Amino acid sequence: MNNIIKTVCLCLLAASVLANGFQSTPMGALYRDMKAGSGEVAATGDVATIHFTGWLEQAGKQGREFFNTRSHGNPVSFVVGTDRVIAGWNEGVVGMRAGGKRLLKLPPSLAYGSRGVDDMVPPDAPLVLIIELLVLEKLP
């Protein structure tokens, strides 16, 4: 019975989020573009350089900030589609263009899952992220 209640609650939350202008990726990340970029569209195999700010999601809203690359002064680069970053980054960057800014809501399965991250992200925590795609490099 407990799993049924969780499923119903997640479905209601997802319906509410989709009604607020969010779209869904194939794996279930929810996103809304805040600013359109320009140039080529990010795809699997491209190198993306991003700034991001991440918050814990609490009761469907933005909670405590757990990381901000701008505060640390260093953007992050990764090959889209690799397992070197959380799955939500891969899902969330696809379709963006350089200069774009996107709001993401990630379920735990696309974030840090049951392992969490030290004292920053508890296990099974949903996340809210803002990703800014600074540079997109197409690899041959």
N, C-alpha and C. Protein backbone atom coordinates (compact mmCIF):
# COMPACT_ATOMS: atom_id res chain seq x y z
N MET A 1 0.82 -1.20 0.00
CA MET A 1 0.00 0.00 0.00
C MET A 1 0.86 1.26 0.00
N ASN A 2 1.96 1.26 0.74
CA ASN A 2 2.84 2.41 0.83
C ASN A 2 3.41 2.78 -0.55
N ASN A 3 3.77 1.78 -1.37
CA ASN A 3 4.30 2.05 -2.71
C ASN A 3 3.23 2.67 -3.61
N ILE A 4 1.99 2.26 -3.45
CA ILE A 4 0.90 2.82 -4.24
C ILE A 4 0.73 4.30 -3.90
N ILE A 5 0.79 4.64 -2.63
CA ILE A 5 0.65 6.03 -2.20
C ILE A 5 1.80 6.87 -2.77
N LYS A 6 3.03 6.33 -2.70
CA LYS A 6 4.18 7.04 -3.26
C LYS A 6 4.01 7.27 -4.75
N THR A 7 3.56 6.26 -5.46
CA THR A 7 3.36 6.37 -6.91
C THR A 7 2.32 7.42 -7.24
N VAL A 8 1.21 7.42 -6.51
CA VAL A 8 0.16 8.41 -6.74
C VAL A 8 0.68 9.82 -6.46
N CYS A 9 1.42 9.99 -5.37
CA CYS A 9 1.97 11.30 -5.03
C CYS A 9 2.94 11.78 -6.11
N LEU A 10 3.80 10.88 -6.59
CA LEU A 10 4.75 11.25 -7.64
C LEU A 10 4.03 11.63 -8.93
N CYS A 11 2.97 10.90 -9.26
CA CYS A 11 2.18 11.22 -10.47
C CYS A 11 1.52 12.58 -10.33
N LEU A 12 0.97 12.89 -9.17
CA LEU A 12 0.34 14.19 -8.95
C LEU A 12 1.36 15.32 -9.02
N LEU A 13 2.53 15.09 -8.42
CA LEU A 13 3.60 16.10 -8.47
C LEU A 13 4.04 16.31 -9.91
N ALA A 14 4.22 15.23 -10.66
CA ALA A 14 4.65 15.35 -12.06
C ALA A 14 3.61 16.09 -12.88
N ALA A 15 2.34 15.80 -12.68
CA ALA A 15 1.27 16.50 -13.41
C ALA A 15 1.29 17.98 -13.09
N SER A 16 1.51 18.32 -11.84
CA SER A 16 1.56 19.71 -11.43
C SER A 16 2.75 20.42 -12.07
N VAL A 17 3.90 19.76 -12.07
CA VAL A 17 5.10 20.35 -12.65
C VAL A 17 4.93 20.53 -14.15
N LEU A 18 4.39 19.52 -14.85
CA LEU A 18 4.18 19.63 -16.29
C LEU A 18 3.20 20.75 -16.61
N ALA A 19 2.23 20.95 -15.76
CA ALA A 19 1.26 22.03 -15.96
C ALA A 19 1.92 23.40 -15.80
N ASN A 20 3.05 23.46 -15.12
CA ASN A 20 3.75 24.72 -14.90
C ASN A 20 4.82 24.97 -15.96
N GLY A 21 4.65 24.39 -17.14
CA GLY A 21 5.55 24.67 -18.25
C GLY A 21 6.77 23.79 -18.36
N PHE A 22 6.85 22.74 -17.59
CA PHE A 22 7.99 21.83 -17.68
C PHE A 22 7.73 20.77 -18.74
N GLN A 23 8.81 20.30 -19.34
CA GLN A 23 8.76 19.18 -20.26
C GLN A 23 9.50 18.03 -19.61
N SER A 24 9.33 16.84 -20.16
CA SER A 24 9.97 15.66 -19.59
C SER A 24 10.91 15.03 -20.61
N THR A 25 12.08 14.59 -20.13
CA THR A 25 13.02 13.85 -20.98
C THR A 25 12.58 12.39 -21.00
N PRO A 26 13.14 11.58 -21.90
CA PRO A 26 12.77 10.16 -21.96
C PRO A 26 12.96 9.40 -20.63
N MET A 27 13.96 9.81 -19.82
CA MET A 27 14.21 9.11 -18.56
C MET A 27 13.49 9.74 -17.37
N GLY A 28 12.77 10.85 -17.59
CA GLY A 28 11.97 11.41 -16.51
C GLY A 28 12.50 12.66 -15.84
N ALA A 29 13.57 13.26 -16.38
CA ALA A 29 14.00 14.57 -15.86
C ALA A 29 13.00 15.60 -16.36
N LEU A 30 12.65 16.53 -15.51
CA LEU A 30 11.75 17.61 -15.91
C LEU A 30 12.58 18.86 -16.14
N TYR A 31 12.24 19.60 -17.20
CA TYR A 31 13.03 20.79 -17.51
C TYR A 31 12.18 21.89 -18.09
N ARG A 32 12.69 23.11 -17.92
CA ARG A 32 12.08 24.30 -18.51
C ARG A 32 13.22 25.22 -18.92
N ASP A 33 13.23 25.61 -20.17
CA ASP A 33 14.26 26.54 -20.63
C ASP A 33 13.98 27.93 -20.09
N MET A 34 14.99 28.53 -19.50
CA MET A 34 14.89 29.87 -18.95
C MET A 34 15.42 30.90 -19.95
N LYS A 35 16.36 30.44 -20.79
CA LYS A 35 16.97 31.30 -21.80
C LYS A 35 17.41 30.41 -22.94
N ALA A 36 17.05 30.79 -24.16
CA ALA A 36 17.47 30.03 -25.33
C ALA A 36 18.90 30.41 -25.67
N GLY A 37 19.66 29.45 -26.11
CA GLY A 37 21.01 29.72 -26.58
C GLY A 37 21.01 29.86 -28.09
N SER A 38 22.20 29.74 -28.67
CA SER A 38 22.31 29.82 -30.13
C SER A 38 23.35 28.82 -30.61
N GLY A 39 23.31 28.53 -31.88
CA GLY A 39 24.27 27.59 -32.45
C GLY A 39 23.71 26.18 -32.49
N GLU A 40 24.63 25.23 -32.52
CA GLU A 40 24.24 23.84 -32.65
C GLU A 40 23.62 23.29 -31.36
N VAL A 41 22.81 22.26 -31.54
CA VAL A 41 22.10 21.63 -30.42
C VAL A 41 22.99 20.56 -29.79
N ALA A 42 23.05 20.54 -28.46
CA ALA A 42 23.84 19.54 -27.73
C ALA A 42 23.25 18.15 -27.92
N ALA A 43 24.14 17.20 -28.15
CA ALA A 43 23.74 15.81 -28.36
C ALA A 43 24.76 14.89 -27.71
N THR A 44 24.42 13.63 -27.60
CA THR A 44 25.33 12.63 -27.05
C THR A 44 26.64 12.64 -27.82
N GLY A 45 27.75 12.63 -27.09
CA GLY A 45 29.07 12.64 -27.69
C GLY A 45 29.72 14.00 -27.76
N ASP A 46 28.95 15.07 -27.54
CA ASP A 46 29.49 16.42 -27.53
C ASP A 46 30.15 16.71 -26.19
N VAL A 47 31.07 17.66 -26.17
CA VAL A 47 31.66 18.12 -24.92
C VAL A 47 30.91 19.38 -24.50
N ALA A 48 30.30 19.33 -23.32
CA ALA A 48 29.56 20.47 -22.78
C ALA A 48 30.34 21.07 -21.63
N THR A 49 30.46 22.37 -21.62
CA THR A 49 31.05 23.09 -20.50
C THR A 49 29.92 23.91 -19.88
N ILE A 50 29.68 23.65 -18.60
CA ILE A 50 28.53 24.26 -17.93
C ILE A 50 28.91 24.92 -16.61
N HIS A 51 28.08 25.86 -16.22
CA HIS A 51 28.01 26.30 -14.83
C HIS A 51 26.70 25.74 -14.32
N PHE A 52 26.69 25.32 -13.06
CA PHE A 52 25.43 24.86 -12.49
C PHE A 52 25.34 25.24 -11.03
N THR A 53 24.10 25.40 -10.61
CA THR A 53 23.78 25.56 -9.20
C THR A 53 22.80 24.46 -8.87
N GLY A 54 23.03 23.76 -7.76
CA GLY A 54 22.16 22.66 -7.38
C GLY A 54 21.58 22.86 -5.99
N TRP A 55 20.29 22.53 -5.87
CA TRP A 55 19.59 22.60 -4.60
C TRP A 55 18.91 21.27 -4.33
N LEU A 56 18.72 20.96 -3.07
CA LEU A 56 17.88 19.83 -2.71
C LEU A 56 16.44 20.24 -2.96
N GLU A 57 15.64 19.32 -3.46
CA GLU A 57 14.22 19.62 -3.63
C GLU A 57 13.51 19.23 -2.34
N GLN A 58 12.72 20.14 -1.82
CA GLN A 58 11.98 19.89 -0.59
C GLN A 58 10.52 20.27 -0.81
N ALA A 59 9.64 19.27 -0.70
CA ALA A 59 8.20 19.47 -0.88
C ALA A 59 7.89 20.13 -2.22
N GLY A 60 8.61 19.70 -3.28
CA GLY A 60 8.37 20.21 -4.62
C GLY A 60 8.97 21.57 -4.90
N LYS A 61 9.76 22.10 -3.96
CA LYS A 61 10.35 23.43 -4.13
C LYS A 61 11.85 23.38 -3.90
N GLN A 62 12.49 24.46 -4.27
CA GLN A 62 13.93 24.60 -4.10
C GLN A 62 14.27 24.70 -2.63
N GLY A 63 15.14 23.80 -2.17
CA GLY A 63 15.56 23.80 -0.77
C GLY A 63 16.98 24.34 -0.62
N ARG A 64 17.77 23.67 0.20
CA ARG A 64 19.14 24.10 0.50
C ARG A 64 20.06 23.91 -0.71
N GLU A 65 20.86 24.94 -1.01
CA GLU A 65 21.86 24.84 -2.07
C GLU A 65 22.95 23.87 -1.63
N PHE A 66 23.35 22.96 -2.53
CA PHE A 66 24.42 22.04 -2.17
C PHE A 66 25.69 22.28 -2.98
N PHE A 67 25.59 22.97 -4.13
CA PHE A 67 26.80 23.28 -4.88
C PHE A 67 26.52 24.37 -5.90
N ASN A 68 27.56 25.19 -6.16
CA ASN A 68 27.45 26.27 -7.13
C ASN A 68 28.82 26.43 -7.77
N THR A 69 28.94 26.11 -9.06
CA THR A 69 30.25 26.19 -9.72
C THR A 69 30.73 27.63 -9.83
N ARG A 70 29.83 28.59 -9.93
CA ARG A 70 30.26 29.99 -10.01
C ARG A 70 30.94 30.41 -8.70
N SER A 71 30.42 29.95 -7.57
CA SER A 71 31.03 30.27 -6.28
C SER A 71 32.44 29.70 -6.17
N HIS A 72 32.65 28.56 -6.83
CA HIS A 72 33.97 27.92 -6.80
C HIS A 72 34.86 28.42 -7.94
N GLY A 73 34.28 29.20 -8.87
CA GLY A 73 35.07 29.81 -9.93
C GLY A 73 35.43 28.91 -11.09
N ASN A 74 34.89 27.69 -11.13
CA ASN A 74 35.26 26.76 -12.19
C ASN A 74 34.04 26.10 -12.81
N PRO A 75 33.85 26.28 -14.13
CA PRO A 75 32.80 25.52 -14.79
C PRO A 75 33.21 24.05 -14.88
N VAL A 76 32.27 23.21 -15.28
CA VAL A 76 32.49 21.78 -15.40
C VAL A 76 32.35 21.39 -16.86
N SER A 77 33.28 20.56 -17.36
CA SER A 77 33.18 20.04 -18.73
C SER A 77 33.01 18.53 -18.67
N PHE A 78 32.18 18.00 -19.57
CA PHE A 78 31.98 16.56 -19.64
C PHE A 78 31.48 16.18 -21.03
N VAL A 79 31.69 14.91 -21.37
CA VAL A 79 31.18 14.38 -22.63
C VAL A 79 29.75 13.92 -22.37
N VAL A 80 28.81 14.48 -23.10
CA VAL A 80 27.39 14.17 -22.91
C VAL A 80 27.15 12.69 -23.25
N GLY A 81 26.51 12.00 -22.33
CA GLY A 81 26.19 10.59 -22.53
C GLY A 81 27.13 9.64 -21.82
N THR A 82 28.14 10.15 -21.12
CA THR A 82 29.06 9.28 -20.40
C THR A 82 28.55 9.03 -18.99
N ASP A 83 29.15 8.07 -18.34
CA ASP A 83 28.76 7.75 -16.96
C ASP A 83 29.64 8.47 -15.94
N ARG A 84 30.35 9.50 -16.37
CA ARG A 84 31.22 10.24 -15.45
C ARG A 84 30.50 11.35 -14.71
N VAL A 85 29.24 11.58 -15.08
CA VAL A 85 28.40 12.58 -14.42
C VAL A 85 27.06 11.93 -14.10
N ILE A 86 26.26 12.61 -13.29
CA ILE A 86 24.94 12.04 -12.99
C ILE A 86 24.10 12.00 -14.27
N ALA A 87 23.24 11.03 -14.36
CA ALA A 87 22.42 10.84 -15.55
C ALA A 87 21.58 12.07 -15.87
N GLY A 88 21.17 12.80 -14.86
CA GLY A 88 20.35 13.99 -15.06
C GLY A 88 21.07 15.08 -15.83
N TRP A 89 22.38 15.19 -15.68
CA TRP A 89 23.14 16.16 -16.48
C TRP A 89 23.07 15.77 -17.94
N ASN A 90 23.32 14.49 -18.22
CA ASN A 90 23.25 14.02 -19.60
C ASN A 90 21.88 14.29 -20.20
N GLU A 91 20.84 13.94 -19.47
CA GLU A 91 19.47 14.16 -19.94
C GLU A 91 19.17 15.65 -20.08
N GLY A 92 19.64 16.42 -19.14
CA GLY A 92 19.27 17.84 -19.08
C GLY A 92 19.97 18.72 -20.09
N VAL A 93 21.15 18.34 -20.54
CA VAL A 93 21.91 19.16 -21.48
C VAL A 93 21.50 18.90 -22.93
N VAL A 94 21.07 17.67 -23.22
CA VAL A 94 20.67 17.34 -24.59
C VAL A 94 19.58 18.30 -25.06
N GLY A 95 19.79 18.87 -26.22
CA GLY A 95 18.82 19.80 -26.78
C GLY A 95 19.11 21.26 -26.50
N MET A 96 20.04 21.53 -25.59
CA MET A 96 20.41 22.92 -25.29
C MET A 96 21.36 23.44 -26.36
N ARG A 97 21.47 24.76 -26.41
CA ARG A 97 22.43 25.43 -27.28
C ARG A 97 23.32 26.31 -26.40
N ALA A 98 24.56 26.57 -26.86
CA ALA A 98 25.49 27.40 -26.09
C ALA A 98 24.83 28.74 -25.77
N GLY A 99 24.99 29.17 -24.53
CA GLY A 99 24.37 30.41 -24.06
C GLY A 99 23.01 30.18 -23.42
N GLY A 100 22.50 28.94 -23.50
CA GLY A 100 21.21 28.62 -22.93
C GLY A 100 21.27 28.38 -21.44
N LYS A 101 20.13 28.53 -20.80
CA LYS A 101 20.00 28.31 -19.36
C LYS A 101 18.75 27.49 -19.14
N ARG A 102 18.87 26.41 -18.34
CA ARG A 102 17.76 25.48 -18.16
C ARG A 102 17.58 25.12 -16.69
N LEU A 103 16.32 25.09 -16.27
CA LEU A 103 15.94 24.64 -14.94
C LEU A 103 15.59 23.16 -15.03
N LEU A 104 16.20 22.35 -14.19
CA LEU A 104 15.97 20.90 -14.17
C LEU A 104 15.44 20.45 -12.82
N LYS A 105 14.54 19.49 -12.85
CA LYS A 105 14.09 18.80 -11.63
C LYS A 105 14.39 17.33 -11.85
N LEU A 106 15.24 16.78 -10.99
CA LEU A 106 15.70 15.41 -11.17
C LEU A 106 15.20 14.51 -10.05
N PRO A 107 14.65 13.35 -10.42
CA PRO A 107 14.33 12.36 -9.40
C PRO A 107 15.64 11.75 -8.90
N PRO A 108 15.65 11.12 -7.74
CA PRO A 108 16.88 10.54 -7.21
C PRO A 108 17.58 9.59 -8.19
N SER A 109 16.82 8.86 -8.99
CA SER A 109 17.41 7.90 -9.93
C SER A 109 18.27 8.58 -10.99
N LEU A 110 18.04 9.86 -11.27
CA LEU A 110 18.85 10.60 -12.23
C LEU A 110 19.83 11.54 -11.55
N ALA A 111 19.84 11.51 -10.22
CA ALA A 111 20.75 12.33 -9.43
C ALA A 111 21.80 11.42 -8.78
N TYR A 112 21.87 11.42 -7.47
CA TYR A 112 22.89 10.63 -6.78
C TYR A 112 22.34 9.34 -6.18
N GLY A 113 21.05 9.06 -6.41
CA GLY A 113 20.45 7.80 -6.01
C GLY A 113 20.56 7.53 -4.53
N SER A 114 20.66 6.26 -4.21
CA SER A 114 20.69 5.84 -2.80
C SER A 114 22.03 6.10 -2.13
N ARG A 115 23.05 6.45 -2.89
CA ARG A 115 24.37 6.69 -2.28
C ARG A 115 24.53 8.11 -1.75
N GLY A 116 23.84 9.09 -2.37
CA GLY A 116 24.00 10.47 -1.93
C GLY A 116 25.43 10.95 -2.14
N VAL A 117 25.78 12.08 -1.54
CA VAL A 117 27.14 12.63 -1.64
C VAL A 117 27.52 13.19 -0.28
N ASP A 118 28.36 12.46 0.42
CA ASP A 118 28.88 12.90 1.72
C ASP A 118 27.84 13.67 2.52
N ASP A 119 28.19 14.88 2.97
CA ASP A 119 27.27 15.70 3.75
C ASP A 119 26.48 16.68 2.87
N MET A 120 26.69 16.61 1.55
CA MET A 120 26.05 17.58 0.65
C MET A 120 24.66 17.15 0.20
N VAL A 121 24.53 15.89 -0.23
CA VAL A 121 23.26 15.39 -0.78
C VAL A 121 22.89 14.09 -0.06
N PRO A 122 21.78 14.07 0.65
CA PRO A 122 21.39 12.84 1.33
C PRO A 122 20.95 11.76 0.32
N PRO A 123 20.98 10.50 0.75
CA PRO A 123 20.50 9.43 -0.13
C PRO A 123 19.06 9.67 -0.58
N ASP A 124 18.77 9.27 -1.82
CA ASP A 124 17.42 9.32 -2.40
C ASP A 124 16.83 10.73 -2.44
N ALA A 125 17.69 11.73 -2.65
CA ALA A 125 17.22 13.12 -2.68
C ALA A 125 16.93 13.57 -4.11
N PRO A 126 15.73 14.10 -4.35
CA PRO A 126 15.47 14.75 -5.64
C PRO A 126 16.19 16.10 -5.66
N LEU A 127 16.59 16.55 -6.85
CA LEU A 127 17.37 17.78 -6.96
C LEU A 127 16.70 18.78 -7.90
N VAL A 128 17.02 20.04 -7.68
CA VAL A 128 16.67 21.14 -8.58
C VAL A 128 17.99 21.74 -9.03
N LEU A 129 18.17 21.88 -10.34
CA LEU A 129 19.42 22.43 -10.89
C LEU A 129 19.11 23.54 -11.88
N ILE A 130 20.00 24.50 -11.93
CA ILE A 130 20.01 25.44 -13.05
C ILE A 130 21.34 25.21 -13.75
N ILE A 131 21.25 24.89 -15.04
CA ILE A 131 22.43 24.63 -15.86
C ILE A 131 22.54 25.72 -16.91
N GLU A 132 23.73 26.28 -17.03
CA GLU A 132 24.03 27.24 -18.08
C GLU A 132 25.06 26.60 -19.01
N LEU A 133 24.71 26.40 -20.26
CA LEU A 133 25.63 25.79 -21.22
C LEU A 133 26.52 26.90 -21.78
N LEU A 134 27.76 26.92 -21.33
CA LEU A 134 28.69 27.97 -21.72
C LEU A 134 29.29 27.73 -23.10
N VAL A 135 29.77 26.49 -23.30
CA VAL A 135 30.45 26.14 -24.56
C VAL A 135 30.00 24.74 -24.95
N LEU A 136 29.77 24.55 -26.24
CA LEU A 136 29.45 23.24 -26.78
C LEU A 136 30.45 22.92 -27.86
N GLU A 137 31.15 21.80 -27.70
CA GLU A 137 32.15 21.38 -28.67
C GLU A 137 31.69 20.08 -29.31
N LYS A 138 31.55 20.11 -30.62
CA LYS A 138 31.18 18.92 -31.39
C LYS A 138 32.46 18.14 -31.67
N LEU A 139 32.48 16.88 -31.28
CA LEU A 139 33.64 16.03 -31.55
C LEU A 139 33.45 15.33 -32.90
N PRO A 140 34.54 15.09 -33.60
CA PRO A 140 34.42 14.41 -34.90
C PRO A 140 33.96 12.98 -34.77
